[in-house]
């Protein structure tokens, strides 16, 4: 179905791999394929979507040629659609990043719920060097790290390593290069053993709360908990299994 991406399913895990070596540059066609693949994954019963790439690098970003005035409107619209598709996913989205993740190749992981990096990964927003700025990073970064720190990153265009990104709060975990994918699988395995419906609703409550004041957050989070989560079979099963000292049997409903 796709030329520049690959989709694989492993139980409750869906893998979406950018496949445009050596630098996995994301052009308009690849953006559309990623959107289509994510929409396909959304219809499956998977719980976690891992967005990663083949080869040594995650992505060097969007195609530079697509930034010229004649193509930029189409490219910006398509890339924004891709980011919105990631943000709207009900799955837990995880970016597994090795090598470089620059420009749009950094903004894609920023849109994910979590970022896992190999220890030699390099991340950054170098657009300012070309007299551009990164629209998605401008919108998302100040919600992840302090605004002044985000602004410095954007206007200097400097790259930073995975460990620095973890210290800043951008990256969740950093794993050794030599067994990076195995460590990613171990990390995700701890998630998919949980109740699928509980994970889905926990994400829904968390994402909804980010844009609200405390009173609104409390109301929305409590309402989802009481009117949706507690009405699921898994919520009851989790309590029963704990009291009965046994492993829960999740139904995902």
Protein backbone atom coordinates (compact mmCIF):
# COMPACT_ATOMS: atom_id res chain seq x y z
CA UNK A 1 0.00 0.00 0.00
CA UNK A 2 2.80 2.44 0.84
CA UNK A 3 6.11 3.35 -0.79
CA UNK A 4 7.78 5.42 1.92
CA UNK A 5 6.40 3.94 5.13
CA UNK A 6 5.90 0.46 6.53
CA UNK A 7 3.24 -0.73 8.96
CA UNK A 8 3.66 -3.81 11.13
CA UNK A 9 1.49 -5.26 13.88
CA UNK A 10 2.79 -7.17 16.87
CA UNK A 11 -0.10 -8.07 19.12
CA UNK A 12 -1.34 -4.84 20.69
CA UNK A 13 1.53 -2.83 19.21
CA UNK A 14 1.52 -1.12 15.80
CA UNK A 15 4.83 -0.06 14.27
CA UNK A 16 4.86 2.77 11.75
CA UNK A 17 8.30 3.08 10.15
CA UNK A 18 9.42 5.87 7.86
CA UNK A 19 11.29 4.13 5.06
CA UNK A 20 13.20 6.69 2.98
CA UNK A 21 16.87 6.03 3.68
CA UNK A 22 19.40 7.30 4.32
CA UNK A 23 17.95 10.35 6.11
CA UNK A 24 14.21 9.56 5.94
CA UNK A 25 13.39 13.03 4.65
CA UNK A 26 9.64 13.56 4.89
CA UNK A 27 8.21 14.98 1.65
CA UNK A 28 4.53 15.67 0.96
CA UNK A 29 3.94 12.15 -0.36
CA UNK A 30 5.45 10.62 2.78
CA UNK A 31 3.35 12.89 4.98
CA UNK A 32 0.20 11.66 3.24
CA UNK A 33 1.31 8.04 3.57
CA UNK A 34 1.92 8.55 7.30
CA UNK A 35 -1.55 10.07 7.67
CA UNK A 36 -3.12 7.15 5.81
CA UNK A 37 -1.14 4.63 7.85
CA UNK A 38 -2.11 6.27 11.14
CA UNK A 39 -5.76 6.26 10.12
CA UNK A 40 -5.42 2.57 9.25
CA UNK A 41 -3.85 1.84 12.64
CA UNK A 42 -6.58 3.78 14.42
CA UNK A 43 -9.14 1.24 13.14
CA UNK A 44 -7.23 -1.71 14.61
CA UNK A 45 -7.43 -3.04 18.16
CA UNK A 46 -3.81 -2.12 18.90
CA UNK A 47 -3.09 -0.12 22.05
CA UNK A 48 0.28 1.52 21.30
CA UNK A 49 1.56 3.06 18.08
CA UNK A 50 5.34 3.30 17.76
CA UNK A 51 6.51 5.81 15.17
CA UNK A 52 10.08 5.12 14.15
CA UNK A 53 12.24 4.82 11.04
CA UNK A 54 14.42 2.36 9.20
CA UNK A 55 18.17 2.83 9.09
CA UNK A 56 20.50 4.92 11.22
CA UNK A 57 18.36 8.06 11.44
CA UNK A 58 14.82 8.95 12.44
CA UNK A 59 14.42 11.87 10.04
CA UNK A 60 16.35 14.91 8.86
CA UNK A 61 13.02 16.70 8.51
CA UNK A 62 10.76 17.91 5.74
CA UNK A 63 12.00 18.16 2.16
CA UNK A 64 13.80 21.51 1.81
CA UNK A 65 12.48 21.95 -1.74
CA UNK A 66 8.94 21.90 -0.35
CA UNK A 67 9.65 25.04 1.70
CA UNK A 68 9.80 27.34 -1.34
CA UNK A 69 6.81 29.69 -1.76
CA UNK A 70 5.22 27.67 -4.57
CA UNK A 71 5.03 24.46 -2.53
CA UNK A 72 5.10 25.70 1.06
CA UNK A 73 1.31 26.17 1.48
CA UNK A 74 0.63 22.57 0.44
CA UNK A 75 3.51 21.25 2.56
CA UNK A 76 2.51 23.21 5.68
CA UNK A 77 -1.12 22.13 5.32
CA UNK A 78 -0.17 18.47 4.88
CA UNK A 79 2.36 18.48 7.71
CA UNK A 80 -0.15 20.16 10.03
CA UNK A 81 -2.66 17.47 9.09
CA UNK A 82 -0.09 14.82 9.97
CA UNK A 83 0.59 16.40 13.37
CA UNK A 84 -3.13 16.72 14.08
CA UNK A 85 -3.60 13.05 13.17
CA UNK A 86 -0.96 12.05 15.72
CA UNK A 87 -2.41 14.35 18.38
CA UNK A 88 -5.93 13.05 17.79
CA UNK A 89 -4.99 9.38 18.07
CA UNK A 90 -6.69 7.42 20.83
CA UNK A 91 -3.71 5.08 20.90
CA UNK A 92 -0.69 5.79 23.05
CA UNK A 93 1.81 7.20 20.57
CA UNK A 94 5.53 6.69 21.14
CA UNK A 95 8.35 8.02 18.98
CA UNK A 96 11.39 5.71 18.94
CA UNK A 97 14.25 7.93 17.80
CA UNK A 98 17.79 7.01 16.79
CA UNK A 99 20.26 9.13 14.86
CA UNK A 100 19.10 12.59 13.82
CA UNK A 101 15.62 14.00 14.41
CA UNK A 102 15.76 17.52 13.05
CA UNK A 103 13.19 20.11 12.00
CA UNK A 104 10.01 18.32 11.01
CA UNK A 105 11.78 15.11 12.00
CA UNK A 106 11.85 16.47 15.55
CA UNK A 107 8.31 17.88 15.45
CA UNK A 108 6.80 14.48 14.69
CA UNK A 109 8.14 13.01 17.97
CA UNK A 110 7.06 16.19 19.80
CA UNK A 111 3.47 15.40 18.79
CA UNK A 112 3.70 11.91 20.28
CA UNK A 113 2.75 11.08 23.88
CA UNK A 114 6.27 9.90 24.69
CA UNK A 115 9.74 9.93 23.14
CA UNK A 116 12.31 7.16 23.54
CA UNK A 117 15.81 7.90 22.21
CA UNK A 118 19.03 6.06 21.52
CA UNK A 119 21.92 7.58 23.47
CA UNK A 120 23.63 9.05 20.38
CA UNK A 121 20.46 10.63 18.97
CA UNK A 122 20.62 14.30 17.97
CA UNK A 123 17.53 16.51 18.08
CA UNK A 124 16.88 20.11 17.13
CA UNK A 125 15.09 22.80 15.16
CA UNK A 126 17.66 24.20 12.69
CA UNK A 127 15.10 26.07 10.55
CA UNK A 128 16.30 29.48 11.74
CA UNK A 129 19.60 28.84 9.93
CA UNK A 130 17.61 28.96 6.67
CA UNK A 131 15.70 32.07 7.83
CA UNK A 132 12.64 29.98 8.69
CA UNK A 133 11.05 28.91 11.95
CA UNK A 134 9.44 25.58 13.00
CA UNK A 135 5.66 26.19 13.31
CA UNK A 136 4.81 22.97 15.12
CA UNK A 137 7.68 23.29 17.60
CA UNK A 138 6.57 26.86 18.29
CA UNK A 139 3.12 25.56 19.17
CA UNK A 140 4.12 22.48 21.19
CA UNK A 141 7.50 23.10 22.85
CA UNK A 142 6.33 25.83 25.30
CA UNK A 143 3.85 23.30 26.70
CA UNK A 144 6.66 20.82 27.40
CA UNK A 145 9.56 22.97 28.60
CA UNK A 146 9.82 26.54 29.95
CA UNK A 147 8.96 29.15 27.34
CA UNK A 148 12.33 30.92 27.48
CA UNK A 149 14.14 27.62 27.01
CA UNK A 150 11.91 26.74 24.06
CA UNK A 151 12.51 30.16 22.50
CA UNK A 152 16.27 29.81 22.88
CA UNK A 153 16.17 26.43 21.16
CA UNK A 154 14.19 27.81 18.24
CA UNK A 155 16.20 31.00 17.64
CA UNK A 156 19.65 29.41 18.04
CA UNK A 157 18.86 26.37 15.88
CA UNK A 158 21.39 24.33 17.83
CA UNK A 159 21.18 20.54 18.09
CA UNK A 160 21.22 18.75 21.43
CA UNK A 161 21.81 15.17 22.46
CA UNK A 162 19.32 12.68 23.89
CA UNK A 163 20.57 12.92 27.48
CA UNK A 164 20.22 16.70 27.43
CA UNK A 165 16.72 16.34 25.98
CA UNK A 166 15.82 13.96 28.82
CA UNK A 167 17.11 16.41 31.41
CA UNK A 168 15.01 19.13 29.79
CA UNK A 169 11.89 16.97 29.95
CA UNK A 170 11.47 16.48 26.20
CA UNK A 171 12.57 12.83 26.10
CA UNK A 172 11.21 10.15 28.42
CA UNK A 173 13.92 7.48 28.24
CA UNK A 174 17.37 7.08 26.70
CA UNK A 175 18.60 3.59 25.78
CA UNK A 176 21.96 2.27 24.49
CA UNK A 177 22.32 2.23 20.71
CA UNK A 178 23.30 -1.42 20.47
CA UNK A 179 20.04 -2.77 21.89
CA UNK A 180 17.78 0.22 21.33
CA UNK A 181 14.83 -1.56 19.69
CA UNK A 182 14.88 -4.35 22.29
CA UNK A 183 14.70 -1.75 25.06
CA UNK A 184 11.84 -0.01 23.28
CA UNK A 185 9.96 -3.30 23.13
CA UNK A 186 10.56 -3.90 26.85
CA UNK A 187 9.30 -0.43 27.68
CA UNK A 188 6.16 -0.83 25.58
CA UNK A 189 5.52 -4.35 26.92
CA UNK A 190 4.93 -2.83 30.35
CA UNK A 191 2.20 -0.66 28.84
CA UNK A 192 0.31 -3.24 26.82
CA UNK A 193 -0.08 -5.53 29.80
CA UNK A 194 -2.38 -2.89 31.27
CA UNK A 195 -6.10 -2.63 30.51
CA UNK A 196 -6.59 -1.24 26.98
CA UNK A 197 -9.67 0.75 27.94
CA UNK A 198 -8.02 2.17 31.05
CA UNK A 199 -5.04 3.34 28.97
CA UNK A 200 -7.34 4.89 26.38
CA UNK A 201 -9.38 6.79 28.95
CA UNK A 202 -6.34 7.80 30.99
CA UNK A 203 -4.90 9.38 27.84
CA UNK A 204 -8.23 11.04 27.08
CA UNK A 205 -8.42 12.56 30.56
CA UNK A 206 -4.77 13.62 30.51
CA UNK A 207 -4.90 15.29 27.09
CA UNK A 208 -8.18 17.04 27.85
CA UNK A 209 -6.84 18.42 31.10
CA UNK A 210 -3.76 20.03 29.54
CA UNK A 211 -5.70 22.93 28.05
CA UNK A 212 -7.95 23.62 31.03
CA UNK A 213 -7.71 25.51 34.30
CA UNK A 214 -7.68 23.43 37.52
CA UNK A 215 -11.44 23.56 38.20
CA UNK A 216 -12.24 22.56 34.63
CA UNK A 217 -9.57 19.86 34.72
CA UNK A 218 -10.99 18.34 37.88
CA UNK A 219 -14.51 18.28 36.48
CA UNK A 220 -13.52 16.71 33.16
CA UNK A 221 -11.12 14.16 34.67
CA UNK A 222 -13.63 13.12 37.33
CA UNK A 223 -16.45 12.91 34.81
CA UNK A 224 -14.46 10.63 32.49
CA UNK A 225 -13.46 8.52 35.49
CA UNK A 226 -16.95 8.17 36.91
CA UNK A 227 -19.10 8.08 33.79
CA UNK A 228 -16.80 6.13 31.50
CA UNK A 229 -13.88 4.32 33.16
CA UNK A 230 -15.78 2.94 36.16
CA UNK A 231 -18.47 1.57 33.87
CA UNK A 232 -15.98 -0.67 32.09
CA UNK A 233 -15.53 -4.33 32.93
CA UNK A 234 -11.76 -3.88 33.16
CA UNK A 235 -12.06 -1.29 35.93
CA UNK A 236 -13.95 -3.79 38.06
CA UNK A 237 -11.69 -6.67 37.05
CA UNK A 238 -8.60 -4.73 38.12
CA UNK A 239 -10.01 -4.24 41.62
CA UNK A 240 -11.16 -7.84 41.91
CA UNK A 241 -7.82 -9.23 40.73
CA UNK A 242 -5.95 -7.09 43.26
CA UNK A 243 -8.14 -8.24 46.14
CA UNK A 244 -7.98 -11.86 44.97
CA UNK A 245 -4.19 -11.64 44.49
CA UNK A 246 -4.23 -12.86 40.89
CA UNK A 247 -3.28 -11.56 37.47
CA UNK A 248 -6.14 -9.61 35.87
CA UNK A 249 -7.79 -10.82 32.70
CA UNK A 250 -8.41 -7.74 30.60
CA UNK A 251 -11.27 -7.64 28.12
CA UNK A 252 -10.56 -4.17 26.80
CA UNK A 253 -14.09 -3.01 27.47
